[in-house]
Amino acid sequence: MAFMPFITAGDPDLDFTRDLILELARQQVDLIEVGFPYSDPIADGPVIQASYTRALAKKLHVDQILDCLASIPWPAGGHRPPLVGMVSYAIVFRMGTAEFCRRARQAGLAGLIVPDLPADEADETTQVARAAGLDLIQLIAPTTTPARTQRILSSATGFLYCISVAGTTGVRTTLPEELSTQLRWLKSQTQLPLAVGFGISRPEQVAELRGLADGV
């Protein structure tokens, strides 16, 4: 099962972010989610919110984050996990979708997760991202209807981000019983890898997902 840790860009500073990404690569992680700090995140719990607040207190700008990612001194021949940006649509829109996607790809990102962009409004952004060489990773929540899920599957690329519980990110002691049913159904509907996020914090939770999810 792929290990896909999340980090906040700029917390405590961008030098640390660069070093942390390199260390995670040395530890052979499979993918790194890079959170772009935003003042009004809709799906992040208190830990990530606090991390975003610390980064924003330094007047961090999106250009600085992209420059930081572009400047990572990847060792020749070393493991280089894909980087996926977790970013609010407000940040993308402010720069311009095409320009943000172009800059993100130049910075070394392989994909974007835009949690506040509804799937039924994502067609144009998906096309622009693809044209830039990026996957736009779609989210599927416990509340996503089968009809809406099919619409998401029709345009999804990269992998599917399956939200384990309704609500925000953060530690959970158990996983919902219905999650395994949802993952089995999704596996019957798509060949895309399934990554599970939100509340995955214990080894026993990862063990429970083995055979159902492709990454956490």
Foldseek 3Di string as FASTA:
>chain_A
DAEEEEDEQQVVHNVVVLVVLQVVQVVVHAEYEYEDQDQDDDAADDVVNVRSVNRCVVVDDPVVSLVSLLPRPDDPPGGHHAYEYEYEVVNCVVVDLLVVLLSNVNSRHAEYEHPPQQLVRCPVSQVSNVVNRHFHEEEDEPPQDPVSVVSCQVRHPQAHEYEQHPGHADADPDTDPCSQVVLVVVVVVDPGFYEYGGRPDDPVRVVVCVVRHPYD
